[in-house]
Amino acid sequence: MKIKLWKAEIILEVNSEELKPCEGKIIPSWSYRKMKNVKFFIHQDGKGNVKIKKIG
């Protein structure tokens, strides 16, 4: 799964089988811009729609 934020491209590797419906998962990803891990909250609803939200 690829996400573009501002000018940077962030690649999150998530296996769709690991995401259970109506259960969220927090995935860290390294950010060279901030020079630290940035966390993303990934949620899949019962219909299969995926929402991604940046934490902090």
PDB file of N, CA and C in Angstrom:
ATOM      1  N   MET A   1       0.845  -1.159   0.000  1.00  0.00           N
ATOM      2  CA  MET A   1       0.000   0.000   0.000  1.00  0.00           C
ATOM      3  C   MET A   1       0.902   1.237   0.000  1.00  0.00           C
ATOM      4  N   LYS A   2       0.689   2.176  -0.913  1.00  0.00           N
ATOM      5  CA  LYS A   2       1.495   3.384  -0.980  1.00  0.00           C
ATOM      6  C   LYS A   2       0.630   4.585  -0.630  1.00  0.00           C
ATOM      7  N   ILE A   3       1.201   5.495   0.139  1.00  0.00           N
ATOM      8  CA  ILE A   3       0.506   6.709   0.536  1.00  0.00           C
ATOM      9  C   ILE A   3       1.386   7.889   0.178  1.00  0.00           C
ATOM     10  N   LYS A   4       0.822   8.918  -0.393  1.00  0.00           N
ATOM     11  CA  LYS A   4       1.583  10.131  -0.678  1.00  0.00           C
ATOM     12  C   LYS A   4       1.137  11.225   0.280  1.00  0.00           C
ATOM     13  N   LEU A   5       2.055  11.698   1.070  1.00  0.00           N
ATOM     14  CA  LEU A   5       1.819  12.813   1.977  1.00  0.00           C
ATOM     15  C   LEU A   5       2.760  13.932   1.574  1.00  0.00           C
ATOM     16  N   TRP A   6       2.208  15.081   1.322  1.00  0.00           N
ATOM     17  CA  TRP A   6       2.976  16.228   0.865  1.00  0.00           C
ATOM     18  C   TRP A   6       3.792  15.830  -0.358  1.00  0.00           C
ATOM     19  N   LYS A   7       5.080  15.984  -0.320  1.00  0.00           N
ATOM     20  CA  LYS A   7       5.943  15.613  -1.442  1.00  0.00           C
ATOM     21  C   LYS A   7       6.581  14.245  -1.240  1.00  0.00           C
ATOM     22  N   ALA A   8       6.449  13.699  -0.047  1.00  0.00           N
ATOM     23  CA  ALA A   8       7.087  12.417   0.264  1.00  0.00           C
ATOM     24  C   ALA A   8       6.132  11.266  -0.016  1.00  0.00           C
ATOM     25  N   GLU A   9       6.686  10.151  -0.371  1.00  0.00           N
ATOM     26  CA  GLU A   9       5.897   8.948  -0.574  1.00  0.00           C
ATOM     27  C   GLU A   9       6.238   7.981   0.542  1.00  0.00           C
ATOM     28  N   ILE A  10       5.228   7.497   1.206  1.00  0.00           N
ATOM     29  CA  ILE A  10       5.416   6.570   2.314  1.00  0.00           C
ATOM     30  C   ILE A  10       4.840   5.227   1.892  1.00  0.00           C
ATOM     31  N   ILE A  11       5.616   4.189   2.052  1.00  0.00           N
ATOM     32  CA  ILE A  11       5.165   2.855   1.675  1.00  0.00           C
ATOM     33  C   ILE A  11       4.905   2.063   2.945  1.00  0.00           C
ATOM     34  N   LEU A  12       3.654   1.626   3.099  1.00  0.00           N
ATOM     35  CA  LEU A  12       3.279   0.789   4.228  1.00  0.00           C
ATOM     36  C   LEU A  12       3.049  -0.617   3.711  1.00  0.00           C
ATOM     37  N   GLU A  13       3.731  -1.571   4.317  1.00  0.00           N
ATOM     38  CA  GLU A  13       3.553  -2.958   3.905  1.00  0.00           C
ATOM     39  C   GLU A  13       2.600  -3.631   4.880  1.00  0.00           C
ATOM     40  N   VAL A  14       1.401  -3.932   4.369  1.00  0.00           N
ATOM     41  CA  VAL A  14       0.376  -4.555   5.189  1.00  0.00           C
ATOM     42  C   VAL A  14      -0.220  -5.709   4.406  1.00  0.00           C
ATOM     43  N   ASN A  15      -0.269  -6.855   5.025  1.00  0.00           N
ATOM     44  CA  ASN A  15      -0.910  -8.010   4.412  1.00  0.00           C
ATOM     45  C   ASN A  15      -2.407  -7.891   4.689  1.00  0.00           C
ATOM     46  N   SER A  16      -3.223  -7.911   3.652  1.00  0.00           N
ATOM     47  CA  SER A  16      -4.662  -7.733   3.832  1.00  0.00           C
ATOM     48  C   SER A  16      -5.281  -8.846   4.674  1.00  0.00           C
ATOM     49  N   GLU A  17      -4.635 -10.001   4.728  1.00  0.00           N
ATOM     50  CA  GLU A  17      -5.139 -11.093   5.555  1.00  0.00           C
ATOM     51  C   GLU A  17      -4.933 -10.804   7.046  1.00  0.00           C
ATOM     52  N   GLU A  18      -3.957  -9.947   7.379  1.00  0.00           N
ATOM     53  CA  GLU A  18      -3.703  -9.604   8.773  1.00  0.00           C
ATOM     54  C   GLU A  18      -4.747  -8.635   9.313  1.00  0.00           C
ATOM     55  N   LEU A  19      -5.374  -7.859   8.429  1.00  0.00           N
ATOM     56  CA  LEU A  19      -6.388  -6.907   8.860  1.00  0.00           C
ATOM     57  C   LEU A  19      -7.725  -7.613   9.006  1.00  0.00           C
ATOM     58  N   LYS A  20      -8.210  -7.656  10.235  1.00  0.00           N
ATOM     59  CA  LYS A  20      -9.508  -8.261  10.480  1.00  0.00           C
ATOM     60  C   LYS A  20     -10.557  -7.151  10.437  1.00  0.00           C
ATOM     61  N   PRO A  21     -11.747  -7.438   9.922  1.00  0.00           N
ATOM     62  CA  PRO A  21     -12.791  -6.412   9.866  1.00  0.00           C
ATOM     63  C   PRO A  21     -13.105  -5.847  11.245  1.00  0.00           C
ATOM     64  N   CYS A  22     -13.263  -4.546  11.307  1.00  0.00           N
ATOM     65  CA  CYS A  22     -13.630  -3.798  12.518  1.00  0.00           C
ATOM     66  C   CYS A  22     -12.571  -3.866  13.615  1.00  0.00           C
ATOM     67  N   GLU A  23     -11.330  -4.192  13.276  1.00  0.00           N
ATOM     68  CA  GLU A  23     -10.218  -4.152  14.224  1.00  0.00           C
ATOM     69  C   GLU A  23      -9.115  -3.307  13.611  1.00  0.00           C
ATOM     70  N   GLY A  24      -8.633  -2.348  14.349  1.00  0.00           N
ATOM     71  CA  GLY A  24      -7.579  -1.480  13.855  1.00  0.00           C
ATOM     72  C   GLY A  24      -6.194  -2.042  14.109  1.00  0.00           C
ATOM     73  N   LYS A  25      -5.221  -1.484  13.410  1.00  0.00           N
ATOM     74  CA  LYS A  25      -3.835  -1.906  13.587  1.00  0.00           C
ATOM     75  C   LYS A  25      -2.942  -0.681  13.446  1.00  0.00           C
ATOM     76  N   ILE A  26      -1.947  -0.560  14.314  1.00  0.00           N
ATOM     77  CA  ILE A  26      -0.998   0.550  14.248  1.00  0.00           C
ATOM     78  C   ILE A  26       0.287   0.040  13.611  1.00  0.00           C
ATOM     79  N   ILE A  27       0.730   0.754  12.560  1.00  0.00           N
ATOM     80  CA  ILE A  27       1.923   0.359  11.827  1.00  0.00           C
ATOM     81  C   ILE A  27       2.913   1.517  11.815  1.00  0.00           C
ATOM     82  N   PRO A  28       4.144   1.313  12.318  1.00  0.00           N
ATOM     83  CA  PRO A  28       5.156   2.371  12.247  1.00  0.00           C
ATOM     84  C   PRO A  28       5.865   2.364  10.897  1.00  0.00           C
ATOM     85  N   SER A  29       6.282   3.537  10.457  1.00  0.00           N
ATOM     86  CA  SER A  29       7.039   3.668   9.212  1.00  0.00           C
ATOM     87  C   SER A  29       8.083   4.759   9.416  1.00  0.00           C
ATOM     88  N   TRP A  30       9.298   4.539   8.908  1.00  0.00           N
ATOM     89  CA  TRP A  30      10.388   5.502   9.077  1.00  0.00           C
ATOM     90  C   TRP A  30      10.159   6.721   8.197  1.00  0.00           C
ATOM     91  N   SER A  31      10.337   7.898   8.773  1.00  0.00           N
ATOM     92  CA  SER A  31      10.201   9.145   8.030  1.00  0.00           C
ATOM     93  C   SER A  31      11.543   9.866   8.017  1.00  0.00           C
ATOM     94  N   TYR A  32      12.102  10.045   6.820  1.00  0.00           N
ATOM     95  CA  TYR A  32      13.360  10.779   6.708  1.00  0.00           C
ATOM     96  C   TYR A  32      13.142  12.264   6.950  1.00  0.00           C
ATOM     97  N   ARG A  33      11.958  12.738   6.669  1.00  0.00           N
ATOM     98  CA  ARG A  33      11.638  14.149   6.886  1.00  0.00           C
ATOM     99  C   ARG A  33      11.683  14.498   8.379  1.00  0.00           C
ATOM    100  N   LYS A  34      11.099  13.613   9.213  1.00  0.00           N
ATOM    101  CA  LYS A  34      11.076  13.865  10.656  1.00  0.00           C
ATOM    102  C   LYS A  34      12.213  13.151  11.385  1.00  0.00           C
ATOM    103  N   MET A  35      12.910  12.253  10.671  1.00  0.00           N
ATOM    104  CA  MET A  35      14.008  11.473  11.232  1.00  0.00           C
ATOM    105  C   MET A  35      13.570  10.654  12.443  1.00  0.00           C
ATOM    106  N   LYS A  36      12.397  10.062  12.328  1.00  0.00           N
ATOM    107  CA  LYS A  36      11.885   9.179  13.369  1.00  0.00           C
ATOM    108  C   LYS A  36      10.758   8.336  12.771  1.00  0.00           C
ATOM    109  N   ASN A  37      10.294   7.349  13.541  1.00  0.00           N
ATOM    110  CA  ASN A  37       9.175   6.533  13.108  1.00  0.00           C
ATOM    111  C   ASN A  37       7.885   7.332  13.223  1.00  0.00           C
ATOM    112  N   VAL A  38       7.047   7.230  12.223  1.00  0.00           N
ATOM    113  CA  VAL A  38       5.730   7.842  12.231  1.00  0.00           C
ATOM    114  C   VAL A  38       4.727   6.699  12.247  1.00  0.00           C
ATOM    115  N   LYS A  39       3.697   6.813  13.080  1.00  0.00           N
ATOM    116  CA  LYS A  39       2.740   5.724  13.214  1.00  0.00           C
ATOM    117  C   LYS A  39       1.462   6.039  12.440  1.00  0.00           C
ATOM    118  N   PHE A  40       0.921   4.997  11.823  1.00  0.00           N
ATOM    119  CA  PHE A  40      -0.326   5.088  11.082  1.00  0.00           C
ATOM    120  C   PHE A  40      -1.314   4.082  11.651  1.00  0.00           C
ATOM    121  N   PHE A  41      -2.575   4.512  11.778  1.00  0.00           N
ATOM    122  CA  PHE A  41      -3.645   3.640  12.239  1.00  0.00           C
ATOM    123  C   PHE A  41      -4.426   3.190  11.010  1.00  0.00           C
ATOM    124  N   ILE A  42      -4.510   1.878  10.813  1.00  0.00           N
ATOM    125  CA  ILE A  42      -5.200   1.323   9.653  1.00  0.00           C
ATOM    126  C   ILE A  42      -6.415   0.550  10.144  1.00  0.00           C
ATOM    127  N   HIS A  43      -7.577   0.862   9.552  1.00  0.00           N
ATOM    128  CA  HIS A  43      -8.824   0.221   9.956  1.00  0.00           C
ATOM    129  C   HIS A  43      -9.559  -0.265   8.711  1.00  0.00           C
ATOM    130  N   GLN A  44     -10.040  -1.498   8.767  1.00  0.00           N
ATOM    131  CA  GLN A  44     -10.835  -2.060   7.681  1.00  0.00           C
ATOM    132  C   GLN A  44     -12.226  -2.349   8.219  1.00  0.00           C
ATOM    133  N   ASP A  45     -13.252  -1.772   7.561  1.00  0.00           N
ATOM    134  CA  ASP A  45     -14.612  -2.019   8.026  1.00  0.00           C
ATOM    135  C   ASP A  45     -15.144  -3.331   7.451  1.00  0.00           C
ATOM    136  N   GLY A  46     -16.368  -3.675   7.799  1.00  0.00           N
ATOM    137  CA  GLY A  46     -16.954  -4.939   7.382  1.00  0.00           C
ATOM    138  C   GLY A  46     -17.140  -5.058   5.873  1.00  0.00           C
ATOM    139  N   LYS A  47     -17.210  -3.944   5.157  1.00  0.00           N
ATOM    140  CA  LYS A  47     -17.401  -3.963   3.713  1.00  0.00           C
ATOM    141  C   LYS A  47     -16.079  -4.054   2.940  1.00  0.00           C
ATOM    142  N   GLY A  48     -14.959  -3.986   3.658  1.00  0.00           N
ATOM    143  CA  GLY A  48     -13.650  -4.086   3.018  1.00  0.00           C
ATOM    144  C   GLY A  48     -12.995  -2.739   2.734  1.00  0.00           C
ATOM    145  N   ASN A  49     -13.647  -1.637   3.121  1.00  0.00           N
ATOM    146  CA  ASN A  49     -13.058  -0.312   2.934  1.00  0.00           C
ATOM    147  C   ASN A  49     -11.956  -0.082   3.961  1.00  0.00           C
ATOM    148  N   VAL A  50     -10.818   0.428   3.505  1.00  0.00           N
ATOM    149  CA  VAL A  50      -9.662   0.657   4.375  1.00  0.00           C
ATOM    150  C   VAL A  50      -9.486   2.154   4.594  1.00  0.00           C
ATOM    151  N   LYS A  51      -9.326   2.542   5.875  1.00  0.00           N
ATOM    152  CA  LYS A  51      -9.060   3.933   6.225  1.00  0.00           C
ATOM    153  C   LYS A  51      -7.709   4.012   6.902  1.00  0.00           C
ATOM    154  N   ILE A  52      -6.925   5.012   6.533  1.00  0.00           N
ATOM    155  CA  ILE A  52      -5.594   5.195   7.096  1.00  0.00           C
ATOM    156  C   ILE A  52      -5.524   6.576   7.719  1.00  0.00           C
ATOM    157  N   LYS A  53      -5.042   6.645   8.978  1.00  0.00           N
ATOM    158  CA  LYS A  53      -4.940   7.912   9.685  1.00  0.00           C
ATOM    159  C   LYS A  53      -3.555   8.011  10.316  1.00  0.00           C
ATOM    160  N   LYS A  54      -2.916   9.146  10.136  1.00  0.00           N
ATOM    161  CA  LYS A  54      -1.596   9.383  10.732  1.00  0.00           C
ATOM    162  C   LYS A  54      -1.791   9.744  12.206  1.00  0.00           C
ATOM    163  N   ILE A  55      -0.985   9.143  13.072  1.00  0.00           N
ATOM    164  CA  ILE A  55      -1.057   9.399  14.506  1.00  0.00           C
ATOM    165  C   ILE A  55       0.105  10.303  14.895  1.00  0.00           C
ATOM    166  N   GLY A  56      -0.188  11.354  15.603  1.00  0.00           N
ATOM    167  CA  GLY A  56       0.822  12.249  16.130  1.00  0.00           C
ATOM    168  C   GLY A  56       1.553  12.957  15.116  1.00  0.00           C
TER     169      GLY A  56
END
